């Protein structure tokens, strides 16, 4: 929802840079141990995460720093872009819409539905 909302806001305020970045799959965050899942489901999720690969927290944090400093040479993404891993959950990044599974993020009508839902909630 954040990615859709960010894209909708970026269209409205073209003079401000908006970015949504996924940190990817980071190890040593203990996210799964925070109580959302328990028992066999937690065990299965941890196994899937380990099999799919993880990178260090610093790599994930760098994506956020890069998004905060968009004028860098290696960060040339348009305002409102959702940036995530090209393949799986780690490695090089790209704009979500470059991936088959990410095409939905360019759908402006879905962005508007999310924008409206957030404002109705607020």
N, C-alpha and C. Protein backbone atom coordinates (compact mmCIF):
# COMPACT_ATOMS: atom_id res chain seq x y z
N UNK A 1 0.82 -1.19 0.00
CA UNK A 1 0.00 0.00 0.00
C UNK A 1 0.87 1.26 0.00
N UNK A 2 1.99 1.20 0.70
CA UNK A 2 2.86 2.36 0.76
C UNK A 2 3.37 2.72 -0.63
N UNK A 3 3.73 1.70 -1.41
CA UNK A 3 4.25 1.96 -2.76
C UNK A 3 3.19 2.61 -3.64
N UNK A 4 1.96 2.13 -3.57
CA UNK A 4 0.87 2.74 -4.35
C UNK A 4 0.62 4.17 -3.89
N UNK A 5 0.57 4.37 -2.58
CA UNK A 5 0.31 5.69 -2.03
C UNK A 5 1.42 6.66 -2.42
N UNK A 6 2.66 6.21 -2.30
CA UNK A 6 3.80 7.06 -2.64
C UNK A 6 3.74 7.50 -4.10
N UNK A 7 3.36 6.59 -4.98
CA UNK A 7 3.25 6.94 -6.41
C UNK A 7 2.15 7.97 -6.64
N UNK A 8 1.03 7.81 -5.95
CA UNK A 8 -0.07 8.77 -6.10
C UNK A 8 0.34 10.15 -5.59
N UNK A 9 1.03 10.19 -4.48
CA UNK A 9 1.49 11.45 -3.91
C UNK A 9 2.54 12.10 -4.82
N UNK A 10 3.44 11.29 -5.39
CA UNK A 10 4.49 11.82 -6.27
C UNK A 10 3.88 12.52 -7.48
N UNK A 11 2.77 12.00 -7.98
CA UNK A 11 2.11 12.67 -9.12
C UNK A 11 1.52 14.00 -8.70
N UNK A 12 1.02 14.08 -7.48
CA UNK A 12 0.38 15.31 -7.00
C UNK A 12 1.40 16.40 -6.67
N UNK A 13 2.57 16.00 -6.17
CA UNK A 13 3.59 16.95 -5.72
C UNK A 13 4.89 16.71 -6.49
N UNK A 14 4.89 17.11 -7.73
CA UNK A 14 6.03 16.83 -8.61
C UNK A 14 7.30 17.57 -8.21
N UNK A 15 7.19 18.57 -7.36
CA UNK A 15 8.38 19.31 -6.93
C UNK A 15 9.10 18.64 -5.75
N UNK A 16 8.53 17.56 -5.21
CA UNK A 16 9.13 16.83 -4.09
C UNK A 16 9.47 15.42 -4.56
N UNK A 17 10.63 14.90 -4.15
CA UNK A 17 11.05 13.56 -4.54
C UNK A 17 10.50 12.54 -3.54
N UNK A 18 9.77 11.55 -4.04
CA UNK A 18 9.23 10.47 -3.21
C UNK A 18 9.81 9.15 -3.69
N UNK A 19 10.19 8.29 -2.74
CA UNK A 19 10.71 6.97 -3.10
C UNK A 19 10.20 5.93 -2.12
N UNK A 20 9.97 4.74 -2.62
CA UNK A 20 9.64 3.60 -1.80
C UNK A 20 10.69 2.54 -2.10
N UNK A 21 11.41 2.10 -1.08
CA UNK A 21 12.48 1.13 -1.28
C UNK A 21 12.29 -0.06 -0.36
N UNK A 22 12.44 -1.24 -0.90
CA UNK A 22 12.41 -2.46 -0.11
C UNK A 22 13.83 -2.77 0.35
N UNK A 23 14.01 -3.06 1.64
CA UNK A 23 15.35 -3.39 2.11
C UNK A 23 15.81 -4.78 1.66
N UNK A 24 14.89 -5.56 1.11
CA UNK A 24 15.23 -6.92 0.73
C UNK A 24 15.20 -7.83 1.95
N UNK A 25 15.72 -8.99 1.82
CA UNK A 25 15.74 -9.96 2.91
C UNK A 25 17.04 -9.79 3.69
N UNK A 26 16.90 -9.30 4.91
CA UNK A 26 18.08 -9.02 5.73
C UNK A 26 18.18 -9.99 6.89
N UNK A 27 19.38 -10.46 7.15
CA UNK A 27 19.57 -11.38 8.28
C UNK A 27 19.84 -10.60 9.56
N UNK A 28 19.65 -11.28 10.67
CA UNK A 28 19.90 -10.74 12.02
C UNK A 28 18.92 -9.64 12.42
N UNK A 29 17.77 -9.56 11.79
CA UNK A 29 16.76 -8.59 12.23
C UNK A 29 15.76 -9.22 13.18
N UNK A 30 15.68 -10.55 13.20
CA UNK A 30 14.75 -11.29 14.06
C UNK A 30 13.30 -10.90 13.82
N UNK A 31 12.98 -10.48 12.63
CA UNK A 31 11.62 -10.06 12.30
C UNK A 31 10.60 -11.17 12.54
N UNK A 32 10.91 -12.38 12.13
CA UNK A 32 9.97 -13.49 12.28
C UNK A 32 9.77 -13.85 13.75
N UNK A 33 10.72 -13.51 14.61
CA UNK A 33 10.63 -13.85 16.04
C UNK A 33 9.83 -12.83 16.84
N UNK A 34 9.22 -11.85 16.20
CA UNK A 34 8.52 -10.78 16.91
C UNK A 34 7.11 -11.16 17.35
N UNK A 35 6.69 -12.39 17.11
CA UNK A 35 5.39 -12.84 17.62
C UNK A 35 4.28 -12.91 16.60
N UNK A 36 4.53 -12.53 15.35
CA UNK A 36 3.47 -12.58 14.35
C UNK A 36 3.13 -14.01 13.96
N UNK A 37 4.13 -14.88 14.02
CA UNK A 37 3.94 -16.28 13.64
C UNK A 37 4.42 -17.16 14.78
N UNK A 38 3.86 -18.35 14.87
CA UNK A 38 4.31 -19.26 15.92
C UNK A 38 4.36 -20.68 15.39
N UNK A 39 5.10 -21.52 16.10
CA UNK A 39 5.15 -22.94 15.82
C UNK A 39 5.64 -23.30 14.44
N UNK A 40 4.93 -24.25 13.80
CA UNK A 40 5.38 -24.76 12.50
C UNK A 40 5.42 -23.70 11.40
N UNK A 41 4.51 -22.75 11.44
CA UNK A 41 4.49 -21.70 10.41
C UNK A 41 5.75 -20.86 10.52
N UNK A 42 6.14 -20.51 11.74
CA UNK A 42 7.36 -19.73 11.95
C UNK A 42 8.58 -20.51 11.44
N UNK A 43 8.64 -21.80 11.74
CA UNK A 43 9.74 -22.65 11.30
C UNK A 43 9.81 -22.70 9.77
N UNK A 44 8.64 -22.85 9.12
CA UNK A 44 8.60 -22.91 7.65
C UNK A 44 9.05 -21.58 7.03
N UNK A 45 8.60 -20.48 7.57
CA UNK A 45 8.96 -19.17 7.04
C UNK A 45 10.46 -18.94 7.18
N UNK A 46 11.02 -19.28 8.35
CA UNK A 46 12.46 -19.13 8.55
C UNK A 46 13.24 -19.97 7.55
N UNK A 47 12.78 -21.19 7.29
CA UNK A 47 13.44 -22.06 6.32
C UNK A 47 13.40 -21.48 4.92
N UNK A 48 12.23 -20.96 4.53
CA UNK A 48 12.09 -20.34 3.21
C UNK A 48 13.03 -19.15 3.06
N UNK A 49 13.10 -18.34 4.10
CA UNK A 49 13.96 -17.16 4.06
C UNK A 49 15.42 -17.57 3.91
N UNK A 50 15.84 -18.55 4.67
CA UNK A 50 17.23 -19.00 4.57
C UNK A 50 17.55 -19.56 3.19
N UNK A 51 16.61 -20.29 2.61
CA UNK A 51 16.83 -20.87 1.29
C UNK A 51 16.86 -19.81 0.19
N UNK A 52 16.07 -18.75 0.34
CA UNK A 52 15.99 -17.72 -0.69
C UNK A 52 17.17 -16.75 -0.65
N UNK A 53 17.91 -16.77 0.43
CA UNK A 53 19.08 -15.91 0.55
C UNK A 53 18.79 -14.64 1.32
N UNK A 54 19.80 -14.16 1.99
CA UNK A 54 19.68 -12.92 2.76
C UNK A 54 20.97 -12.13 2.64
N UNK A 55 20.86 -10.84 2.83
CA UNK A 55 22.06 -10.02 2.89
C UNK A 55 22.11 -9.33 4.25
N UNK A 56 23.22 -8.71 4.52
CA UNK A 56 23.45 -8.02 5.78
C UNK A 56 22.49 -6.83 5.92
N UNK A 57 22.20 -6.46 7.15
CA UNK A 57 21.34 -5.32 7.43
C UNK A 57 21.89 -4.05 6.77
N UNK A 58 23.20 -3.93 6.73
CA UNK A 58 23.82 -2.73 6.13
C UNK A 58 23.46 -2.59 4.65
N UNK A 59 23.32 -3.70 3.95
CA UNK A 59 22.94 -3.66 2.53
C UNK A 59 21.50 -3.14 2.40
N UNK A 60 20.61 -3.66 3.24
CA UNK A 60 19.23 -3.18 3.21
C UNK A 60 19.12 -1.72 3.60
N UNK A 61 19.88 -1.32 4.63
CA UNK A 61 19.85 0.07 5.07
C UNK A 61 20.40 1.01 3.99
N UNK A 62 21.38 0.55 3.22
CA UNK A 62 21.96 1.37 2.15
C UNK A 62 20.89 1.74 1.13
N UNK A 63 19.94 0.83 0.89
CA UNK A 63 18.86 1.15 -0.06
C UNK A 63 18.06 2.35 0.43
N UNK A 64 17.80 2.42 1.73
CA UNK A 64 17.06 3.56 2.27
C UNK A 64 17.89 4.84 2.18
N UNK A 65 19.17 4.75 2.49
CA UNK A 65 20.05 5.92 2.40
C UNK A 65 20.12 6.40 0.95
N UNK A 66 20.26 5.46 0.01
CA UNK A 66 20.30 5.83 -1.41
C UNK A 66 19.02 6.55 -1.83
N UNK A 67 17.89 6.08 -1.33
CA UNK A 67 16.60 6.71 -1.67
C UNK A 67 16.51 8.11 -1.08
N UNK A 68 17.15 8.33 0.07
CA UNK A 68 17.13 9.66 0.69
C UNK A 68 18.04 10.64 -0.03
N UNK A 69 19.01 10.11 -0.78
CA UNK A 69 19.97 10.94 -1.50
C UNK A 69 19.89 10.61 -2.99
N UNK A 70 18.80 10.98 -3.65
CA UNK A 70 18.53 10.53 -5.02
C UNK A 70 19.46 11.07 -6.09
N UNK A 71 20.31 12.02 -5.78
CA UNK A 71 21.18 12.59 -6.80
C UNK A 71 22.47 11.80 -7.01
N UNK A 72 22.59 10.66 -6.37
CA UNK A 72 23.78 9.83 -6.53
C UNK A 72 23.81 9.20 -7.92
N UNK A 73 25.00 8.86 -8.34
CA UNK A 73 25.20 8.27 -9.66
C UNK A 73 24.46 6.93 -9.83
N UNK A 74 24.44 6.11 -8.79
CA UNK A 74 23.82 4.79 -8.92
C UNK A 74 22.35 4.75 -8.53
N UNK A 75 21.73 5.91 -8.31
CA UNK A 75 20.30 5.95 -7.95
C UNK A 75 19.61 6.90 -8.91
N UNK A 76 19.13 6.39 -10.00
CA UNK A 76 18.50 7.25 -11.01
C UNK A 76 17.05 6.84 -11.24
N UNK A 77 16.31 6.74 -10.15
CA UNK A 77 14.91 6.33 -10.23
C UNK A 77 13.99 7.54 -10.11
N UNK A 78 12.93 7.52 -10.88
CA UNK A 78 11.98 8.64 -10.87
C UNK A 78 11.23 8.72 -9.55
N UNK A 79 10.78 9.90 -9.22
CA UNK A 79 9.98 10.10 -8.02
C UNK A 79 8.74 9.21 -8.11
N UNK A 80 8.39 8.60 -7.00
CA UNK A 80 7.24 7.71 -6.96
C UNK A 80 7.54 6.27 -7.30
N UNK A 81 8.79 5.97 -7.64
CA UNK A 81 9.17 4.60 -7.99
C UNK A 81 9.21 3.71 -6.76
N UNK A 82 8.91 2.44 -6.96
CA UNK A 82 9.06 1.42 -5.93
C UNK A 82 10.27 0.59 -6.34
N UNK A 83 11.33 0.67 -5.56
CA UNK A 83 12.60 0.02 -5.88
C UNK A 83 12.76 -1.22 -5.01
N UNK A 84 13.07 -2.35 -5.65
CA UNK A 84 13.20 -3.61 -4.95
C UNK A 84 14.22 -4.49 -5.66
N UNK A 85 14.48 -5.66 -5.12
CA UNK A 85 15.45 -6.58 -5.71
C UNK A 85 14.99 -7.05 -7.08
N UNK A 86 15.95 -7.11 -8.02
CA UNK A 86 15.64 -7.59 -9.37
C UNK A 86 15.23 -9.05 -9.36
N UNK A 87 15.92 -9.84 -8.57
CA UNK A 87 15.66 -11.27 -8.54
C UNK A 87 15.57 -11.72 -7.09
N UNK A 88 14.49 -12.35 -6.74
CA UNK A 88 14.35 -12.83 -5.37
C UNK A 88 14.28 -11.70 -4.37
N UNK A 89 15.10 -11.81 -3.34
CA UNK A 89 15.02 -10.85 -2.24
C UNK A 89 16.33 -10.16 -1.94
N UNK A 90 17.38 -10.46 -2.72
CA UNK A 90 18.68 -9.85 -2.48
C UNK A 90 19.31 -9.45 -3.82
N UNK A 91 20.40 -8.72 -3.76
CA UNK A 91 21.13 -8.38 -4.98
C UNK A 91 20.77 -7.03 -5.54
N UNK A 92 21.05 -6.86 -6.82
CA UNK A 92 20.81 -5.59 -7.51
C UNK A 92 19.34 -5.20 -7.44
N UNK A 93 19.11 -3.89 -7.53
CA UNK A 93 17.74 -3.37 -7.46
C UNK A 93 17.27 -2.85 -8.81
N UNK A 94 15.96 -2.71 -8.93
CA UNK A 94 15.34 -2.14 -10.12
C UNK A 94 14.00 -1.54 -9.70
N UNK A 95 13.35 -0.86 -10.62
CA UNK A 95 12.00 -0.37 -10.38
C UNK A 95 11.04 -1.55 -10.52
N UNK A 96 10.09 -1.66 -9.62
CA UNK A 96 9.17 -2.80 -9.61
C UNK A 96 8.50 -3.03 -10.95
N UNK A 97 8.19 -1.97 -11.67
CA UNK A 97 7.47 -2.10 -12.93
C UNK A 97 8.30 -2.77 -14.02
N UNK A 98 9.63 -2.90 -13.79
CA UNK A 98 10.48 -3.61 -14.75
C UNK A 98 10.28 -5.12 -14.66
N UNK A 99 9.69 -5.57 -13.57
CA UNK A 99 9.46 -7.00 -13.36
C UNK A 99 8.02 -7.36 -13.71
N UNK A 100 7.83 -8.55 -14.21
CA UNK A 100 6.48 -8.99 -14.58
C UNK A 100 5.53 -8.88 -13.38
N UNK A 101 6.00 -9.34 -12.22
CA UNK A 101 5.16 -9.29 -11.01
C UNK A 101 4.95 -7.86 -10.50
N UNK A 102 5.73 -6.90 -10.97
CA UNK A 102 5.63 -5.53 -10.49
C UNK A 102 4.86 -4.59 -11.38
N UNK A 103 4.35 -5.07 -12.50
CA UNK A 103 3.63 -4.20 -13.45
C UNK A 103 2.45 -3.49 -12.79
N UNK A 104 1.84 -4.13 -11.82
CA UNK A 104 0.66 -3.57 -11.17
C UNK A 104 0.94 -2.22 -10.50
N UNK A 105 2.20 -1.98 -10.12
CA UNK A 105 2.52 -0.74 -9.42
C UNK A 105 2.42 0.50 -10.31
N UNK A 106 2.38 0.32 -11.62
CA UNK A 106 2.22 1.46 -12.51
C UNK A 106 0.75 1.78 -12.80
N UNK A 107 -0.15 1.00 -12.27
CA UNK A 107 -1.58 1.18 -12.50
C UNK A 107 -2.08 2.38 -11.67
N UNK A 108 -2.28 3.50 -12.34
CA UNK A 108 -2.68 4.72 -11.64
C UNK A 108 -4.04 4.60 -10.97
N UNK A 109 -4.95 3.80 -11.52
CA UNK A 109 -6.25 3.65 -10.86
C UNK A 109 -6.10 2.94 -9.51
N UNK A 110 -5.20 1.96 -9.43
CA UNK A 110 -4.95 1.29 -8.15
C UNK A 110 -4.27 2.26 -7.17
N UNK A 111 -3.38 3.08 -7.69
CA UNK A 111 -2.75 4.08 -6.84
C UNK A 111 -3.81 5.02 -6.25
N UNK A 112 -4.75 5.40 -7.08
CA UNK A 112 -5.81 6.30 -6.62
C UNK A 112 -6.73 5.63 -5.60
N UNK A 113 -7.03 4.34 -5.78
CA UNK A 113 -7.84 3.60 -4.80
C UNK A 113 -7.16 3.60 -3.44
N UNK A 114 -5.85 3.36 -3.43
CA UNK A 114 -5.10 3.35 -2.17
C UNK A 114 -5.07 4.74 -1.57
N UNK A 115 -4.83 5.75 -2.39
CA UNK A 115 -4.80 7.13 -1.90
C UNK A 115 -6.13 7.47 -1.23
N UNK A 116 -7.21 7.14 -1.88
CA UNK A 116 -8.54 7.42 -1.33
C UNK A 116 -8.78 6.64 -0.04
N UNK A 117 -8.38 5.37 -0.02
CA UNK A 117 -8.57 4.53 1.18
C UNK A 117 -7.80 5.11 2.37
N UNK A 118 -6.58 5.55 2.15
CA UNK A 118 -5.78 6.13 3.24
C UNK A 118 -6.45 7.38 3.76
N UNK A 119 -6.93 8.22 2.86
CA UNK A 119 -7.55 9.47 3.30
C UNK A 119 -8.91 9.24 3.97
N UNK A 120 -9.62 8.21 3.57
CA UNK A 120 -10.85 7.88 4.26
C UNK A 120 -10.56 7.38 5.67
N UNK A 121 -9.49 6.61 5.80
CA UNK A 121 -9.10 6.10 7.12
C UNK A 121 -8.68 7.23 8.05
N UNK A 122 -7.91 8.17 7.48
CA UNK A 122 -7.45 9.30 8.32
C UNK A 122 -8.61 10.18 8.72
